[in-house]
Protein backbone atom coordinates (compact mmCIF):
# COMPACT_ATOMS: atom_id res chain seq x y z
CA MET A 1 0.00 0.00 0.00
CA THR A 2 1.42 3.36 -1.06
CA ARG A 3 -0.49 6.41 0.08
CA SER A 4 0.35 10.08 -0.16
CA LEU A 5 -1.37 13.02 1.49
CA THR A 6 -1.61 16.51 0.02
CA ILE A 7 -3.03 19.48 1.94
CA CYS A 8 -3.59 23.02 0.73
CA SER A 9 -5.71 26.06 1.53
CA GLU A 10 -7.72 27.91 -1.10
CA ARG A 11 -9.61 31.19 -1.25
CA TRP A 12 -12.85 31.43 -3.21
CA PRO A 13 -14.29 34.94 -3.69
CA LEU A 14 -18.00 35.40 -3.03
CA ARG A 15 -20.45 36.96 -5.48
CA GLN A 16 -21.08 39.69 -2.93
CA THR A 17 -20.46 40.36 0.75
CA PHE A 18 -22.19 37.76 2.93
CA THR A 19 -23.31 38.93 6.37
CA ILE A 20 -24.72 37.13 9.39
CA ALA A 21 -25.25 38.35 12.96
CA ARG A 22 -21.59 37.64 13.83
CA GLY A 23 -19.99 39.51 10.92
CA SER A 24 -19.32 39.65 7.19
CA LYS A 25 -17.10 37.85 4.69
CA THR A 26 -16.09 38.39 1.08
CA GLU A 27 -14.44 35.03 0.44
CA ALA A 28 -14.60 31.41 1.50
CA VAL A 29 -11.34 30.06 2.92
CA ILE A 30 -11.22 26.28 2.61
CA VAL A 31 -8.74 23.48 3.25
CA LEU A 32 -8.48 20.78 0.60
CA VAL A 33 -7.21 17.28 1.41
CA SER A 34 -6.22 14.78 -1.28
CA ILE A 35 -5.28 11.19 -0.48
CA THR A 36 -3.75 9.18 -3.34
CA GLU A 37 -3.31 5.43 -3.28
CA ASN A 38 -2.36 3.17 -6.19
CA GLY A 39 -3.50 5.63 -8.81
CA PHE A 40 -6.76 6.65 -7.14
CA THR A 41 -7.30 10.00 -5.42
CA GLY A 42 -9.95 10.85 -2.87
CA ARG A 43 -10.69 14.47 -1.98
CA GLY A 44 -12.29 16.19 0.97
CA GLU A 45 -12.94 19.87 1.62
CA CYS A 46 -13.55 21.64 4.91
CA VAL A 47 -14.28 25.20 5.95
CA PRO A 48 -12.38 26.27 9.11
CA TYR A 49 -14.79 28.26 11.24
CA ASN A 50 -13.48 31.08 13.39
CA HIS A 51 -16.48 30.85 15.73
CA TYR A 52 -15.08 27.51 16.88
CA GLY A 53 -11.51 28.78 17.08
CA GLU A 54 -10.52 27.27 13.74
CA THR A 55 -8.20 28.79 11.13
CA ALA A 56 -6.85 27.35 7.89
CA THR A 57 -3.35 27.28 9.41
CA GLY A 58 -4.56 25.47 12.51
CA VAL A 59 -6.61 22.95 10.56
CA ILE A 60 -3.67 22.18 8.27
CA ALA A 61 -1.49 21.61 11.35
CA GLN A 62 -4.09 19.20 12.76
CA ILE A 63 -4.11 17.24 9.52
CA GLU A 64 -0.31 17.23 9.32
CA ASN A 65 -0.21 15.65 12.78
CA LEU A 66 -2.10 12.71 11.28
CA ARG A 67 0.06 12.36 8.17
CA SER A 68 1.68 9.10 9.32
CA PHE A 69 -1.68 7.63 10.32
CA ILE A 70 -3.19 8.52 6.94
CA GLU A 71 -0.25 7.50 4.76
CA GLN A 72 0.15 4.21 6.60
CA GLY A 73 -3.41 3.21 5.73
CA GLY A 74 -5.49 4.64 8.56
CA GLU A 75 -9.21 3.92 8.17
CA ARG A 76 -12.27 6.08 8.76
CA ALA A 77 -13.36 4.09 11.82
CA ALA A 78 -10.02 4.62 13.54
CA LEU A 79 -9.96 8.28 12.55
CA GLN A 80 -12.91 9.07 14.81
CA SER A 81 -10.85 8.55 17.98
CA ARG A 82 -7.65 10.11 16.62
CA ILE A 83 -8.99 13.66 16.29
CA THR A 84 -11.94 15.56 17.71
CA ALA A 85 -14.94 16.59 15.63
CA GLY A 86 -14.36 19.65 13.49
CA ALA A 87 -13.22 20.86 10.11
CA ALA A 88 -9.92 18.93 10.01
CA ARG A 89 -11.55 15.56 10.67
CA ASN A 90 -14.24 16.37 8.13
CA ALA A 91 -11.75 16.91 5.29
CA ILE A 92 -9.87 13.68 6.06
CA ASP A 93 -13.03 11.62 6.56
CA CYS A 94 -14.62 12.78 3.31
CA ALA A 95 -11.37 12.20 1.39
CA LEU A 96 -11.27 8.62 2.69
CA TRP A 97 -14.89 8.08 1.64
CA ASP A 98 -14.10 9.39 -1.83
CA LEU A 99 -10.94 7.27 -2.10
CA GLU A 100 -12.80 4.10 -1.12
CA ALA A 101 -15.59 4.81 -3.60
CA LYS A 102 -13.16 5.36 -6.45
CA GLN A 103 -11.09 2.29 -5.58
CA GLN A 104 -14.17 0.05 -5.51
CA GLY A 105 -15.89 1.67 -8.48
CA LYS A 106 -19.02 2.23 -6.37
CA ARG A 107 -20.92 5.32 -5.30
CA ALA A 108 -20.47 6.45 -1.72
CA TRP A 109 -24.13 5.82 -0.88
CA THR A 110 -23.72 2.22 -1.96
CA LEU A 111 -20.75 1.87 0.38
CA ALA A 112 -22.84 3.46 3.13
CA GLY A 113 -25.73 1.07 2.52
CA THR A 114 -28.22 3.90 2.08
CA ALA A 115 -30.74 4.71 -0.62
CA PRO A 116 -29.38 6.76 -3.51
CA PRO A 117 -30.08 10.47 -3.01
CA VAL A 118 -32.50 12.06 -5.45
CA PRO A 119 -32.87 15.66 -6.66
CA THR A 120 -34.32 17.69 -3.82
CA SER A 121 -35.35 21.28 -3.20
CA CYS A 122 -32.60 23.45 -1.74
CA ALA A 123 -32.84 26.67 0.25
CA TYR A 124 -31.39 29.93 -0.99
CA THR A 125 -29.90 32.22 1.65
CA LEU A 126 -30.45 35.96 1.90
CA SER A 127 -27.62 37.77 3.69
CA LEU A 128 -28.31 40.09 6.63
CA ASN A 129 -28.67 43.66 5.41
CA THR A 130 -30.83 46.76 5.82
CA VAL A 131 -34.59 46.35 5.73
CA ALA A 132 -34.79 47.94 2.28
CA ASP A 133 -31.93 45.87 0.85
CA MET A 134 -33.36 42.63 2.22
CA GLY A 135 -36.70 43.47 0.65
CA GLN A 136 -34.96 44.11 -2.67
CA ALA A 137 -33.05 40.82 -2.41
CA ALA A 138 -36.32 39.01 -1.72
CA TRP A 139 -37.84 40.57 -4.86
CA GLN A 140 -34.91 39.30 -6.92
CA HIS A 141 -35.42 35.78 -5.56
CA ARG A 142 -39.21 35.77 -5.23
CA ASP A 143 -39.45 32.78 -7.55
CA LYS A 144 -37.51 30.54 -5.16
CA ALA A 145 -39.47 27.88 -3.31
CA LEU A 146 -37.51 28.25 -0.05
CA LEU A 147 -35.67 31.30 1.28
CA LYS A 148 -33.42 31.19 4.33
CA ILE A 149 -33.13 34.61 5.98
CA LYS A 150 -30.11 35.64 8.03
CA LEU A 151 -31.20 37.96 10.85
CA GLY A 152 -29.71 39.68 13.87
CA PRO A 153 -31.31 41.42 16.86
CA GLU A 154 -31.86 44.71 15.00
CA ARG A 155 -35.32 45.13 13.39
CA PRO A 156 -35.85 41.43 12.61
CA LEU A 157 -39.62 41.76 12.28
CA ALA A 158 -39.33 44.70 9.90
CA CYS A 159 -36.94 42.69 7.75
CA ILE A 160 -39.34 39.75 7.50
CA GLU A 161 -42.28 42.05 6.78
CA ALA A 162 -40.32 43.64 3.92
CA ILE A 163 -39.26 40.24 2.60
CA ARG A 164 -42.77 38.84 2.76
CA LYS A 165 -44.16 41.89 0.97
CA GLN A 166 -41.73 41.45 -1.90
CA ALA A 167 -41.82 37.63 -1.94
CA PRO A 168 -45.27 36.44 -0.82
CA ASP A 169 -44.94 32.87 -2.07
CA PRO A 170 -41.66 31.28 -0.89
CA LYS A 171 -41.45 29.20 2.25
CA LEU A 172 -39.39 31.18 4.79
CA ILE A 173 -36.95 29.97 7.41
CA ILE A 174 -34.92 32.25 9.70
CA ASP A 175 -31.39 31.84 11.01
CA ALA A 176 -30.56 34.18 13.89
CA ASN A 177 -27.09 32.66 14.52
CA GLU A 178 -27.45 32.82 18.34
CA SER A 179 -28.08 36.58 18.29
CA TRP A 180 -31.45 36.81 20.11
CA ASN A 181 -32.35 36.69 23.77
CA PRO A 182 -35.38 35.00 25.36
CA GLN A 183 -37.35 38.25 25.60
CA LEU A 184 -36.91 39.04 21.91
CA LEU A 185 -37.76 35.48 20.96
CA GLY A 186 -40.94 35.64 23.01
CA GLU A 187 -41.96 38.90 21.34
CA LEU A 188 -41.31 37.64 17.82
CA ILE A 189 -42.57 34.07 17.76
CA GLN A 190 -46.26 34.83 17.12
CA PRO A 191 -45.75 37.66 14.58
CA LEU A 192 -43.27 35.50 12.67
CA HIS A 193 -45.76 32.65 12.63
CA ASP A 194 -48.40 35.03 11.31
CA LEU A 195 -46.01 36.00 8.48
CA GLY A 196 -45.64 32.36 7.47
CA VAL A 197 -42.19 31.60 8.87
CA SER A 198 -41.98 27.83 9.16
CA LEU A 199 -38.67 27.28 10.97
CA LEU A 200 -36.42 29.28 13.29
CA GLU A 201 -32.78 28.22 13.47
CA GLN A 202 -30.66 28.73 16.61
CA PRO A 203 -32.29 31.89 17.99
CA LEU A 204 -30.46 31.73 21.35
CA PRO A 205 -26.78 31.22 22.13
CA ALA A 206 -25.63 27.63 22.45
CA GLY A 207 -25.29 26.87 26.14
CA ASN A 208 -27.93 29.47 26.98
CA ASP A 209 -30.94 27.77 25.47
CA SER A 210 -32.48 26.05 28.51
CA VAL A 211 -35.55 28.32 28.25
CA LEU A 212 -36.55 26.42 25.12
CA ALA A 213 -37.48 23.36 27.19
CA ASP A 214 -40.73 25.02 28.27
CA PHE A 215 -41.11 27.59 25.51
CA PRO A 216 -44.48 27.44 23.69
CA HIS A 217 -43.93 27.85 19.97
CA GLN A 218 -45.89 27.34 16.77
CA ILE A 219 -42.73 27.52 14.65
CA ALA A 220 -40.30 24.61 14.65
CA ILE A 221 -37.00 25.51 16.31
CA ALA A 222 -33.78 24.02 14.99
CA ALA A 223 -30.45 23.52 16.74
CA ASP A 224 -27.40 24.54 14.73
CA GLU A 225 -24.56 25.80 16.91
CA SER A 226 -26.00 23.72 19.77
CA CYS A 227 -25.64 20.47 17.82
CA HIS A 228 -22.34 19.00 16.66
CA THR A 229 -22.25 15.25 17.33
CA ARG A 230 -24.33 12.49 18.94
CA ASP A 231 -23.04 13.63 22.34
CA ASP A 232 -25.34 16.65 22.08
CA LEU A 233 -28.55 14.77 21.37
CA ASP A 234 -29.85 14.27 24.90
CA HIS A 235 -29.83 18.04 25.41
CA ILE A 236 -31.17 18.74 21.92
CA ALA A 237 -34.13 16.39 22.26
CA ARG A 238 -35.34 18.32 25.33
CA HIS A 239 -35.05 21.75 23.76
CA TYR A 240 -35.41 21.58 19.97
CA ASP A 241 -37.58 20.09 17.24
CA VAL A 242 -34.97 19.90 14.47
CA ILE A 243 -31.20 19.47 14.19
CA ASN A 244 -29.07 21.09 11.51
CA ILE A 245 -26.33 18.62 10.56
CA LYS A 246 -23.19 20.17 9.10
CA LEU A 247 -20.17 18.08 8.21
CA ASP A 248 -17.71 20.67 9.50
CA LYS A 249 -19.37 20.44 12.93
CA SER A 250 -19.79 16.67 13.07
CA GLY A 251 -16.26 16.10 11.81
CA GLY A 252 -17.21 14.29 8.63
CA LEU A 253 -19.77 12.09 6.98
CA THR A 254 -19.07 9.06 9.18
CA GLU A 255 -20.27 10.78 12.36
CA ALA A 256 -22.96 12.75 10.51
CA MET A 257 -24.68 9.60 9.29
CA LEU A 258 -24.71 8.14 12.81
CA LEU A 259 -25.97 11.47 14.16
CA ARG A 260 -28.76 11.54 11.60
CA GLU A 261 -29.85 7.97 12.39
CA GLN A 262 -29.89 8.48 16.16
CA ALA A 263 -31.62 11.85 15.95
CA MET A 264 -34.42 10.45 13.79
CA ALA A 265 -34.85 7.55 16.22
CA MET A 266 -35.32 10.13 18.99
CA GLY A 267 -38.06 11.90 17.01
CA LEU A 268 -36.02 14.88 15.85
CA ALA A 269 -36.46 16.21 12.33
CA ILE A 270 -33.40 16.67 10.12
CA MET A 271 -32.05 19.75 8.38
CA VAL A 272 -28.88 19.41 6.30
CA GLY A 273 -26.75 22.54 6.27
CA CYS A 274 -23.34 23.83 5.27
CA MET A 275 -20.68 26.45 5.67
CA VAL A 276 -19.92 28.59 2.61
CA GLY A 277 -17.75 26.37 0.41
CA THR A 278 -17.55 24.77 -3.01
CA SER A 279 -19.52 21.84 -4.36
CA LEU A 280 -16.85 19.54 -2.97
CA SER A 281 -17.95 20.56 0.53
CA MET A 282 -21.62 19.97 -0.31
CA ALA A 283 -21.30 16.66 -2.15
CA PRO A 284 -20.88 14.32 0.86
CA ALA A 285 -23.72 16.07 2.68
CA VAL A 286 -26.10 15.13 -0.15
CA LEU A 287 -26.06 11.60 1.30
CA LEU A 288 -27.85 13.00 4.36
CA THR A 289 -30.73 14.56 2.44
CA PRO A 290 -33.21 11.64 2.16
CA GLY A 291 -35.93 12.32 4.71
CA ALA A 292 -34.64 15.81 5.61
CA ILE A 293 -37.31 18.48 6.02
CA ILE A 294 -34.88 21.26 4.98
CA VAL A 295 -31.87 21.02 2.67
CA ASP A 296 -29.64 24.07 2.94
CA LEU A 297 -26.63 23.27 0.76
CA ASP A 298 -26.50 26.47 -1.27
CA GLY A 299 -22.89 27.42 -0.42
CA PRO A 300 -21.66 27.25 -4.04
CA LEU A 301 -24.43 29.61 -5.15
CA LEU A 302 -22.85 32.31 -2.98
CA LEU A 303 -19.46 31.96 -4.71
CA ALA A 304 -18.30 33.87 -7.76
CA ASP A 305 -17.20 30.53 -9.25
CA ASP A 306 -17.44 26.87 -8.30
CA ARG A 307 -15.28 23.82 -8.87
CA GLU A 308 -15.30 21.96 -12.16
CA TYR A 309 -18.05 19.33 -12.24
CA GLY A 310 -19.89 21.16 -9.46
CA LEU A 311 -23.36 20.29 -8.26
CA ASP A 312 -26.34 21.11 -10.46
CA TYR A 313 -28.77 23.60 -8.89
CA GLN A 314 -31.26 23.90 -11.75
CA GLU A 315 -34.58 25.40 -10.63
CA GLN A 316 -33.43 25.31 -6.99
CA MET A 317 -33.16 21.51 -7.06
CA ILE A 318 -29.86 20.04 -5.91
CA THR A 319 -28.85 16.81 -7.64
CA PRO A 320 -26.48 14.06 -6.45
CA PRO A 321 -22.80 14.72 -7.25
CA LEU A 322 -21.05 13.27 -10.27
CA ALA A 323 -18.53 10.60 -9.32
CA ILE A 324 -15.73 12.69 -10.83
CA LEU A 325 -16.44 15.40 -8.22
CA TRP A 326 -16.82 13.17 -5.17
CA GLY A 327 -18.01 9.75 -4.07
């Protein structure tokens, strides 16, 4: 067995500035892992997330620390205990999935023993902005079936009213990125329901969400920052209706699939989400989409350009990846 590991960071400019409650960005910084063995190469992409103390330099160092393990034939199962969940493990795990699929000439979902993913509706995200600009953005995307709205604590209801006025038909979900407090949530929940909002993602800070255990709500509430791996599920099941699974949080597809299975067994609904990255970041997450109530894998649509053989987003439907891209 002869394996080689290649690691690099890349910068992908965005179409326009992307803003959430925590700040703005103009590019996606990703780390790309390639593992080559006997003429086959598997690739995995991760997005280091500053909110979790990650940087491209730090993630590359984490992966370098596992070079011997990887190049000496380390497997996905053993990887789970070698490194904690996060972006670095995600890139390695997804590269190993891709390598195995290419070596065996099978699709990754066949290796996983799951049903093949099918084209499914995908959310389109509107960046946090002024009330007027968010209304204008909603007008431009009024034909979309599902809009995800990034909001902060400033004038959230006015933003949704402006969006709904300009886009009366799309299904709306809101992502507050931990920026609200219990009082604001209590004030907004009924008006947002009246405006047709169907899901509210992570309104309160992770670790400060105990109020949700007894909070009456007509809108489903999803855990994002509060949910990383299966270790979080006991808490999640008492406070949330939905979990947002992201590969960069779970540390790869291996843990994400186990998280999805256990969460569904506990009665939680599934949302599949992403950081802002290329189609190579999204491709493994497509395996998680069967049965999901929300698919939010629109990261490549926010980029100025995508990778060659990127995912097809025709008419807001996301299709399974081509084998040449991943899996």
